[in-house]
Amino acid sequence: MNPTACLLVIGNEILSGRTQDVNVQYIARRLSETGITLSEVRIIPDIRAVIVRNVTEARAAYDNVFTTGGIGPTHDDITSACVAESFGVPWVHHPETFSLLEAHFAPGEFNAARQRMATMPQGATPIRNSVSVAPGFSMGNVHVMAGVPRIMRAMFEEVLPTLPHGTPVTAQAWHANGLYEGTLAAPLEAIQERYPAIDIGSYPYRLDESQRGVCLLCKGTDTQAVSNAATAVRDLITRLGFTPLPGEPAKA
């Protein structure tokens, strides 16, 4: 089986609706491409007890835990200290990171707030940040990253190659205009029963009045089984009297 992962999205701004998260989709796609199964995503607030509890639960349940958010210089950036508490280790000054940040900022700009970003759980390994220098870190199977999307992506791509990979997930899709879920529900369930290892999803779409219908997506780690299931889906669409179109709708 492929390694598993949990993503903890940390931040009051996500829960309040002020900020729209775009990191989940990126992380999910890249993990799928490298054979790591994203099994769960949790969105949690900037509350110490909540972060500690979720990190502790997730790192025991999954092979990898990724966190985004809460590692900046302000008072509500508490993720790093919470990870230290979860592991039962001190939150300490990291000399190499301190020197890196000190050299990055102009004289007088490396203030106490920015120096907080050079504090990590004892024993953590920094994750290089090619965008804004201040690193994330890995502690055991927990990988702590920034919430800002382009910085998160830089950190994520640094750590991803270091993790054990499994079999990449492949996918095939068909869609049909004018076809709706109520029409195909029963025969689609029969296809799913024939291919239990394949995840068969049904996704309605509406681009405009002339382009609305349903997209059927087959995905899994067994390439041949994915292909067989997708063929069965295509044939089902044809039997129902609709035209199967390959792939997902262009603008869905």
C-alpha atoms as a PDB file:
ATOM      1  CA  MET A   1       0.000   0.000   0.000  1.00  0.00           C
ATOM      2  CA  ASN A   2       1.075   3.555  -0.623  1.00  0.00           C
ATOM      3  CA  PRO A   3       2.313   5.725   2.260  1.00  0.00           C
ATOM      4  CA  THR A   4      -0.412   7.835   3.828  1.00  0.00           C
ATOM      5  CA  ALA A   5      -0.552  11.529   4.666  1.00  0.00           C
ATOM      6  CA  CYS A   6      -2.648  14.016   6.597  1.00  0.00           C
ATOM      7  CA  LEU A   7      -2.699  17.761   5.943  1.00  0.00           C
ATOM      8  CA  LEU A   8      -3.357  20.225   8.754  1.00  0.00           C
ATOM      9  CA  VAL A   9      -4.362  23.649   7.428  1.00  0.00           C
ATOM     10  CA  ILE A  10      -3.799  26.024  10.343  1.00  0.00           C
ATOM     11  CA  GLY A  11      -5.227  29.506  10.543  1.00  0.00           C
ATOM     12  CA  ASN A  12      -8.147  31.542  11.816  1.00  0.00           C
ATOM     13  CA  GLU A  13      -8.163  33.409   8.504  1.00  0.00           C
ATOM     14  CA  ILE A  14      -9.136  30.221   6.651  1.00  0.00           C
ATOM     15  CA  LEU A  15     -11.949  29.363   9.057  1.00  0.00           C
ATOM     16  CA  SER A  16     -13.330  32.912   9.024  1.00  0.00           C
ATOM     17  CA  GLY A  17     -13.471  33.024   5.232  1.00  0.00           C
ATOM     18  CA  ARG A  18     -11.056  35.938   4.991  1.00  0.00           C
ATOM     19  CA  THR A  19      -8.508  33.857   3.079  1.00  0.00           C
ATOM     20  CA  GLN A  20      -9.255  31.189   0.491  1.00  0.00           C
ATOM     21  CA  ASP A  21      -7.011  28.157   0.802  1.00  0.00           C
ATOM     22  CA  VAL A  22      -5.385  27.042  -2.454  1.00  0.00           C
ATOM     23  CA  ASN A  23      -2.746  24.784  -0.945  1.00  0.00           C
ATOM     24  CA  VAL A  24      -4.898  21.675  -0.477  1.00  0.00           C
ATOM     25  CA  GLN A  25      -5.398  21.094  -4.196  1.00  0.00           C
ATOM     26  CA  TYR A  26      -1.687  21.530  -4.965  1.00  0.00           C
ATOM     27  CA  ILE A  27      -0.549  19.205  -2.188  1.00  0.00           C
ATOM     28  CA  ALA A  28      -3.182  16.575  -3.005  1.00  0.00           C
ATOM     29  CA  ARG A  29      -2.238  16.537  -6.690  1.00  0.00           C
ATOM     30  CA  ARG A  30       1.503  16.301  -6.078  1.00  0.00           C
ATOM     31  CA  LEU A  31       1.132  13.572  -3.474  1.00  0.00           C
ATOM     32  CA  SER A  32      -1.065  11.579  -5.845  1.00  0.00           C
ATOM     33  CA  GLU A  33       1.531  11.947  -8.594  1.00  0.00           C
ATOM     34  CA  THR A  34       4.245  10.535  -6.344  1.00  0.00           C
ATOM     35  CA  GLY A  35       2.286   7.679  -4.819  1.00  0.00           C
ATOM     36  CA  ILE A  36       1.442   9.105  -1.394  1.00  0.00           C
ATOM     37  CA  THR A  37      -2.206   8.903  -0.377  1.00  0.00           C
ATOM     38  CA  LEU A  38      -3.655  12.059   1.143  1.00  0.00           C
ATOM     39  CA  SER A  39      -6.118  10.417   3.523  1.00  0.00           C
ATOM     40  CA  GLU A  40      -7.348  13.385   5.514  1.00  0.00           C
ATOM     41  CA  VAL A  41      -7.381  17.195   5.576  1.00  0.00           C
ATOM     42  CA  ARG A  42      -8.192  19.119   8.740  1.00  0.00           C
ATOM     43  CA  ILE A  43      -8.680  22.896   8.957  1.00  0.00           C
ATOM     44  CA  ILE A  44      -7.994  24.085  12.484  1.00  0.00           C
ATOM     45  CA  PRO A  45      -7.675  27.425  14.314  1.00  0.00           C
ATOM     46  CA  ASP A  46      -4.636  29.162  15.816  1.00  0.00           C
ATOM     47  CA  ILE A  47      -5.312  27.675  19.248  1.00  0.00           C
ATOM     48  CA  ARG A  48      -2.425  25.984  21.026  1.00  0.00           C
ATOM     49  CA  ALA A  49      -4.342  23.053  22.519  1.00  0.00           C
ATOM     50  CA  VAL A  50      -6.107  22.324  19.222  1.00  0.00           C
ATOM     51  CA  ILE A  51      -2.886  22.362  17.197  1.00  0.00           C
ATOM     52  CA  VAL A  52      -1.013  20.177  19.685  1.00  0.00           C
ATOM     53  CA  ARG A  53      -3.849  17.640  19.831  1.00  0.00           C
ATOM     54  CA  ASN A  54      -4.207  17.410  16.061  1.00  0.00           C
ATOM     55  CA  VAL A  55      -0.467  17.117  15.404  1.00  0.00           C
ATOM     56  CA  THR A  56      -0.198  14.395  18.054  1.00  0.00           C
ATOM     57  CA  GLU A  57      -3.164  12.442  16.663  1.00  0.00           C
ATOM     58  CA  ALA A  58      -2.148  12.787  13.023  1.00  0.00           C
ATOM     59  CA  ARG A  59       1.505  11.845  13.399  1.00  0.00           C
ATOM     60  CA  ALA A  60       0.466   8.627  15.159  1.00  0.00           C
ATOM     61  CA  ALA A  61      -2.130   7.738  12.516  1.00  0.00           C
ATOM     62  CA  TYR A  62      -0.344   8.565   9.242  1.00  0.00           C
ATOM     63  CA  ASP A  63       3.059   8.062   7.648  1.00  0.00           C
ATOM     64  CA  ASN A  64       3.386  11.783   6.906  1.00  0.00           C
ATOM     65  CA  VAL A  65       1.822  14.930   8.331  1.00  0.00           C
ATOM     66  CA  PHE A  66       2.024  18.263   6.513  1.00  0.00           C
ATOM     67  CA  THR A  67       1.057  21.535   8.137  1.00  0.00           C
ATOM     68  CA  THR A  68       0.541  24.891   6.442  1.00  0.00           C
ATOM     69  CA  GLY A  69       0.349  28.235   8.203  1.00  0.00           C
ATOM     70  CA  GLY A  70       1.451  29.764  11.470  1.00  0.00           C
ATOM     71  CA  ILE A  71       5.249  29.938  11.161  1.00  0.00           C
ATOM     72  CA  GLY A  72       5.720  33.677  10.586  1.00  0.00           C
ATOM     73  CA  PRO A  73       6.960  36.394  12.982  1.00  0.00           C
ATOM     74  CA  THR A  74       3.689  37.522  14.600  1.00  0.00           C
ATOM     75  CA  HIS A  75       2.050  36.588  17.899  1.00  0.00           C
ATOM     76  CA  ASP A  76      -0.451  34.208  16.293  1.00  0.00           C
ATOM     77  CA  ASP A  77       2.259  32.194  14.514  1.00  0.00           C
ATOM     78  CA  ILE A  78       2.385  29.380  17.059  1.00  0.00           C
ATOM     79  CA  THR A  79       2.635  26.234  14.932  1.00  0.00           C
ATOM     80  CA  SER A  80       6.347  25.706  15.530  1.00  0.00           C
ATOM     81  CA  ALA A  81       6.026  25.892  19.324  1.00  0.00           C
ATOM     82  CA  CYS A  82       2.992  23.603  19.206  1.00  0.00           C
ATOM     83  CA  VAL A  83       4.897  20.956  17.248  1.00  0.00           C
ATOM     84  CA  ALA A  84       7.645  21.097  19.865  1.00  0.00           C
ATOM     85  CA  GLU A  85       5.026  20.530  22.567  1.00  0.00           C
ATOM     86  CA  SER A  86       3.525  17.623  20.640  1.00  0.00           C
ATOM     87  CA  PHE A  87       6.924  15.909  20.510  1.00  0.00           C
ATOM     88  CA  GLY A  88       7.745  16.815  24.114  1.00  0.00           C
ATOM     89  CA  VAL A  89      10.924  18.692  23.220  1.00  0.00           C
ATOM     90  CA  PRO A  90      12.056  22.278  23.895  1.00  0.00           C
ATOM     91  CA  TRP A  91      11.400  25.075  21.403  1.00  0.00           C
ATOM     92  CA  VAL A  92      14.927  26.356  20.908  1.00  0.00           C
ATOM     93  CA  HIS A  93      17.107  28.786  19.005  1.00  0.00           C
ATOM     94  CA  HIS A  94      18.434  27.214  15.778  1.00  0.00           C
ATOM     95  CA  PRO A  95      21.884  28.741  15.149  1.00  0.00           C
ATOM     96  CA  GLU A  96      22.186  27.958  11.423  1.00  0.00           C
ATOM     97  CA  THR A  97      18.744  29.395  10.662  1.00  0.00           C
ATOM     98  CA  PHE A  98      19.476  32.454  12.803  1.00  0.00           C
ATOM     99  CA  SER A  99      22.669  33.124  10.819  1.00  0.00           C
ATOM    100  CA  LEU A 100      20.846  32.592   7.517  1.00  0.00           C
ATOM    101  CA  LEU A 101      18.137  35.095   8.392  1.00  0.00           C
ATOM    102  CA  GLU A 102      20.545  37.583   9.926  1.00  0.00           C
ATOM    103  CA  ALA A 103      22.507  37.667   6.676  1.00  0.00           C
ATOM    104  CA  HIS A 104      19.322  38.065   4.638  1.00  0.00           C
ATOM    105  CA  PHE A 105      17.949  41.164   6.342  1.00  0.00           C
ATOM    106  CA  ALA A 106      19.482  44.615   6.142  1.00  0.00           C
ATOM    107  CA  PRO A 107      21.258  45.903   9.268  1.00  0.00           C
ATOM    108  CA  GLY A 108      18.712  46.784  11.916  1.00  0.00           C
ATOM    109  CA  GLU A 109      15.835  44.886  10.244  1.00  0.00           C
ATOM    110  CA  PHE A 110      16.442  41.519  11.863  1.00  0.00           C
ATOM    111  CA  ASN A 111      14.339  42.394  14.885  1.00  0.00           C
ATOM    112  CA  ALA A 112      13.030  40.208  17.720  1.00  0.00           C
ATOM    113  CA  ALA A 113       9.877  39.286  15.802  1.00  0.00           C
ATOM    114  CA  ARG A 114      11.858  38.002  12.829  1.00  0.00           C
ATOM    115  CA  GLN A 115      14.242  36.177  15.130  1.00  0.00           C
ATOM    116  CA  ARG A 116      11.273  34.033  16.247  1.00  0.00           C
ATOM    117  CA  MET A 117      11.425  32.390  12.814  1.00  0.00           C
ATOM    118  CA  ALA A 118      14.825  30.963  13.787  1.00  0.00           C
ATOM    119  CA  THR A 119      13.274  29.050  16.703  1.00  0.00           C
ATOM    120  CA  MET A 120      12.356  25.397  16.148  1.00  0.00           C
ATOM    121  CA  PRO A 121      11.682  22.191  18.064  1.00  0.00           C
ATOM    122  CA  GLN A 122      14.926  20.729  19.319  1.00  0.00           C
ATOM    123  CA  GLY A 123      16.126  18.157  16.762  1.00  0.00           C
ATOM    124  CA  ALA A 124      14.144  19.581  13.820  1.00  0.00           C
ATOM    125  CA  THR A 125      15.606  19.673  10.315  1.00  0.00           C
ATOM    126  CA  PRO A 126      15.056  22.921   8.346  1.00  0.00           C
ATOM    127  CA  ILE A 127      13.207  22.807   5.025  1.00  0.00           C
ATOM    128  CA  ARG A 128      14.891  25.192   2.595  1.00  0.00           C
ATOM    129  CA  ASN A 129      12.843  28.142   1.371  1.00  0.00           C
ATOM    130  CA  SER A 130      14.049  29.463  -1.992  1.00  0.00           C
ATOM    131  CA  VAL A 131      11.428  32.238  -2.064  1.00  0.00           C
ATOM    132  CA  SER A 132      11.780  34.201   1.165  1.00  0.00           C
ATOM    133  CA  VAL A 133      14.671  32.430   2.953  1.00  0.00           C
ATOM    134  CA  ALA A 134      12.904  31.698   6.293  1.00  0.00           C
ATOM    135  CA  PRO A 135      12.700  27.890   6.352  1.00  0.00           C
ATOM    136  CA  GLY A 136      10.057  25.437   7.384  1.00  0.00           C
ATOM    137  CA  PHE A 137      11.156  22.294   9.189  1.00  0.00           C
ATOM    138  CA  SER A 138      10.646  18.566   9.545  1.00  0.00           C
ATOM    139  CA  MET A 139      10.308  16.930  12.947  1.00  0.00           C
ATOM    140  CA  GLY A 140       9.971  13.171  12.703  1.00  0.00           C
ATOM    141  CA  ASN A 141       7.174  12.559  10.200  1.00  0.00           C
ATOM    142  CA  VAL A 142       5.745  16.088  10.566  1.00  0.00           C
ATOM    143  CA  HIS A 143       6.626  18.648   7.882  1.00  0.00           C
ATOM    144  CA  VAL A 144       5.853  22.245   8.799  1.00  0.00           C
ATOM    145  CA  MET A 145       5.423  24.760   5.976  1.00  0.00           C
ATOM    146  CA  ALA A 146       4.296  28.322   5.396  1.00  0.00           C
ATOM    147  CA  GLY A 147       0.728  29.146   4.413  1.00  0.00           C
ATOM    148  CA  VAL A 148       1.576  31.636   1.644  1.00  0.00           C
ATOM    149  CA  PRO A 149       1.048  29.516  -1.495  1.00  0.00           C
ATOM    150  CA  ARG A 150       4.240  30.233  -3.432  1.00  0.00           C
ATOM    151  CA  ILE A 151       6.371  29.824  -0.305  1.00  0.00           C
ATOM    152  CA  MET A 152       4.516  26.643   0.646  1.00  0.00           C
ATOM    153  CA  ARG A 153       5.126  25.198  -2.814  1.00  0.00           C
ATOM    154  CA  ALA A 154       8.851  25.916  -2.576  1.00  0.00           C
ATOM    155  CA  MET A 155       9.067  24.168   0.789  1.00  0.00           C
ATOM    156  CA  PHE A 156       6.868  21.270  -0.279  1.00  0.00           C
ATOM    157  CA  GLU A 157       8.977  20.574  -3.374  1.00  0.00           C
ATOM    158  CA  GLU A 158      12.086  20.546  -1.174  1.00  0.00           C
ATOM    159  CA  VAL A 159      10.740  17.925   1.197  1.00  0.00           C
ATOM    160  CA  LEU A 160       8.730  15.731  -1.201  1.00  0.00           C
ATOM    161  CA  PRO A 161      11.729  13.995  -2.857  1.00  0.00           C
ATOM    162  CA  THR A 162      13.048  12.949   0.563  1.00  0.00           C
ATOM    163  CA  LEU A 163       9.924  10.947   1.443  1.00  0.00           C
ATOM    164  CA  PRO A 164       9.239   7.270   0.660  1.00  0.00           C
ATOM    165  CA  HIS A 165       7.045   7.067  -2.430  1.00  0.00           C
ATOM    166  CA  GLY A 166       4.536   4.489  -3.587  1.00  0.00           C
ATOM    167  CA  THR A 167       2.823   3.823  -6.900  1.00  0.00           C
ATOM    168  CA  PRO A 168       1.556   6.985  -8.626  1.00  0.00           C
ATOM    169  CA  VAL A 169      -2.178   7.292  -9.144  1.00  0.00           C
ATOM    170  CA  THR A 170      -3.372   7.333 -12.755  1.00  0.00           C
ATOM    171  CA  ALA A 171      -6.738   8.587 -13.937  1.00  0.00           C
ATOM    172  CA  GLN A 172      -9.020   8.454 -16.964  1.00  0.00           C
ATOM    173  CA  ALA A 173     -12.231  10.392 -17.439  1.00  0.00           C
ATOM    174  CA  TRP A 174     -15.231  10.548 -19.755  1.00  0.00           C
ATOM    175  CA  HIS A 175     -17.976  13.138 -19.790  1.00  0.00           C
ATOM    176  CA  ALA A 176     -21.281  13.489 -21.609  1.00  0.00           C
ATOM    177  CA  ASN A 177     -23.495  16.478 -22.250  1.00  0.00           C
ATOM    178  CA  GLY A 178     -27.146  15.949 -21.317  1.00  0.00           C
ATOM    179  CA  LEU A 179     -26.443  12.957 -19.086  1.00  0.00           C
ATOM    180  CA  TYR A 180     -27.325  13.262 -15.405  1.00  0.00           C
ATOM    181  CA  GLU A 181     -26.476  11.273 -12.310  1.00  0.00           C
ATOM    182  CA  GLY A 182     -29.989  10.009 -11.692  1.00  0.00           C
ATOM    183  CA  THR A 183     -29.922   8.200 -15.046  1.00  0.00           C
ATOM    184  CA  LEU A 184     -26.652   6.363 -14.504  1.00  0.00           C
ATOM    185  CA  ALA A 185     -26.530   5.802 -10.732  1.00  0.00           C
ATOM    186  CA  ALA A 186     -27.484   2.107 -10.682  1.00  0.00           C
ATOM    187  CA  PRO A 187     -25.351   0.857 -13.605  1.00  0.00           C
ATOM    188  CA  LEU A 188     -22.410   2.989 -12.392  1.00  0.00           C
ATOM    189  CA  GLU A 189     -22.622   1.318  -9.006  1.00  0.00           C
ATOM    190  CA  ALA A 190     -22.409  -2.043 -10.773  1.00  0.00           C
ATOM    191  CA  ILE A 191     -19.174  -0.945 -12.482  1.00  0.00           C
ATOM    192  CA  GLN A 192     -17.766   0.163  -9.134  1.00  0.00           C
ATOM    193  CA  GLU A 193     -18.544  -3.282  -7.706  1.00  0.00           C
ATOM    194  CA  ARG A 194     -16.675  -4.896 -10.618  1.00  0.00           C
ATOM    195  CA  TYR A 195     -13.593  -2.738  -9.937  1.00  0.00           C
ATOM    196  CA  PRO A 196     -13.493  -2.259  -6.150  1.00  0.00           C
ATOM    197  CA  ALA A 197      -9.856  -1.095  -6.129  1.00  0.00           C
ATOM    198  CA  ILE A 198     -10.639   1.798  -8.471  1.00  0.00           C
ATOM    199  CA  ASP A 199     -12.094   5.059  -7.233  1.00  0.00           C
ATOM    200  CA  ILE A 200     -14.935   5.948  -9.625  1.00  0.00           C
ATOM    201  CA  GLY A 201     -16.267   9.460  -9.103  1.00  0.00           C
ATOM    202  CA  SER A 202     -19.307  11.154 -10.624  1.00  0.00           C
ATOM    203  CA  TYR A 203     -19.110  14.945 -11.011  1.00  0.00           C
ATOM    204  CA  PRO A 204     -21.939  17.019 -12.489  1.00  0.00           C
ATOM    205  CA  TYR A 205     -20.930  20.108 -14.477  1.00  0.00           C
ATOM    206  CA  ARG A 206     -22.675  23.060 -16.067  1.00  0.00           C
ATOM    207  CA  LEU A 207     -20.649  25.269 -18.386  1.00  0.00           C
ATOM    208  CA  ASP A 208     -23.646  26.822 -20.131  1.00  0.00           C
ATOM    209  CA  GLU A 209     -27.110  25.738 -21.228  1.00  0.00           C
ATOM    210  CA  SER A 210     -25.743  23.564 -24.034  1.00  0.00           C
ATOM    211  CA  GLN A 211     -22.857  22.079 -22.036  1.00  0.00           C
ATOM    212  CA  ARG A 212     -24.092  20.487 -18.872  1.00  0.00           C
ATOM    213  CA  GLY A 213     -23.950  16.889 -17.834  1.00  0.00           C
ATOM    214  CA  VAL A 214     -21.775  14.588 -15.796  1.00  0.00           C
ATOM    215  CA  CYS A 215     -18.083  13.659 -15.751  1.00  0.00           C
ATOM    216  CA  LEU A 216     -17.057  10.170 -14.655  1.00  0.00           C
ATOM    217  CA  LEU A 217     -13.512   9.851 -13.358  1.00  0.00           C
ATOM    218  CA  CYS A 218     -11.689   6.559 -12.735  1.00  0.00           C
ATOM    219  CA  LYS A 219      -8.454   6.615 -10.753  1.00  0.00           C
ATOM    220  CA  GLY A 220      -6.188   4.190  -8.968  1.00  0.00           C
ATOM    221  CA  THR A 221      -2.680   2.735  -8.807  1.00  0.00           C
ATOM    222  CA  ASP A 222      -3.402  -0.223 -11.125  1.00  0.00           C
ATOM    223  CA  THR A 223      -3.093   1.280 -14.606  1.00  0.00           C
ATOM    224  CA  GLN A 224      -4.750  -1.641 -16.382  1.00  0.00           C
ATOM    225  CA  ALA A 225      -7.671  -1.740 -13.960  1.00  0.00           C
ATOM    226  CA  VAL A 226      -8.152   2.018 -14.380  1.00  0.00           C
ATOM    227  CA  SER A 227      -8.220   1.548 -18.146  1.00  0.00           C
ATOM    228  CA  ASN A 228     -10.710  -1.319 -17.892  1.00  0.00           C
ATOM    229  CA  ALA A 229     -13.013   0.640 -15.592  1.00  0.00           C
ATOM    230  CA  ALA A 230     -12.840   3.685 -17.865  1.00  0.00           C
ATOM    231  CA  THR A 231     -13.764   1.513 -20.853  1.00  0.00           C
ATOM    232  CA  ALA A 232     -16.764   0.217 -18.936  1.00  0.00           C
ATOM    233  CA  VAL A 233     -17.777   3.795 -18.132  1.00  0.00           C
ATOM    234  CA  ARG A 234     -17.469   4.806 -21.777  1.00  0.00           C
ATOM    235  CA  ASP A 235     -19.591   1.861 -22.851  1.00  0.00           C
ATOM    236  CA  LEU A 236     -22.195   2.711 -20.224  1.00  0.00           C
ATOM    237  CA  ILE A 237     -22.503   6.260 -21.547  1.00  0.00           C
ATOM    238  CA  THR A 238     -22.999   4.877 -25.060  1.00  0.00           C
ATOM    239  CA  ARG A 239     -25.635   2.344 -23.927  1.00  0.00           C
ATOM    240  CA  LEU A 240     -27.581   5.138 -22.287  1.00  0.00           C
ATOM    241  CA  GLY A 241     -27.773   6.907 -25.645  1.00  0.00           C
ATOM    242  CA  PHE A 242     -25.226   9.681 -25.064  1.00  0.00           C
ATOM    243  CA  THR A 243     -21.927  10.569 -26.697  1.00  0.00           C
ATOM    244  CA  PRO A 244     -18.885   9.827 -24.481  1.00  0.00           C
ATOM    245  CA  LEU A 245     -16.318  12.631 -24.659  1.00  0.00           C
ATOM    246  CA  PRO A 246     -12.763  11.867 -23.446  1.00  0.00           C
ATOM    247  CA  GLY A 247     -11.317  13.684 -20.456  1.00  0.00           C
ATOM    248  CA  GLU A 248     -12.924  16.242 -18.183  1.00  0.00           C
ATOM    249  CA  PRO A 249     -14.912  19.221 -19.459  1.00  0.00           C
ATOM    250  CA  ALA A 250     -12.458  21.931 -20.489  1.00  0.00           C
ATOM    251  CA  LYS A 251     -13.791  24.578 -18.113  1.00  0.00           C
ATOM    252  CA  ALA A 252     -15.428  22.482 -15.405  1.00  0.00           C
END
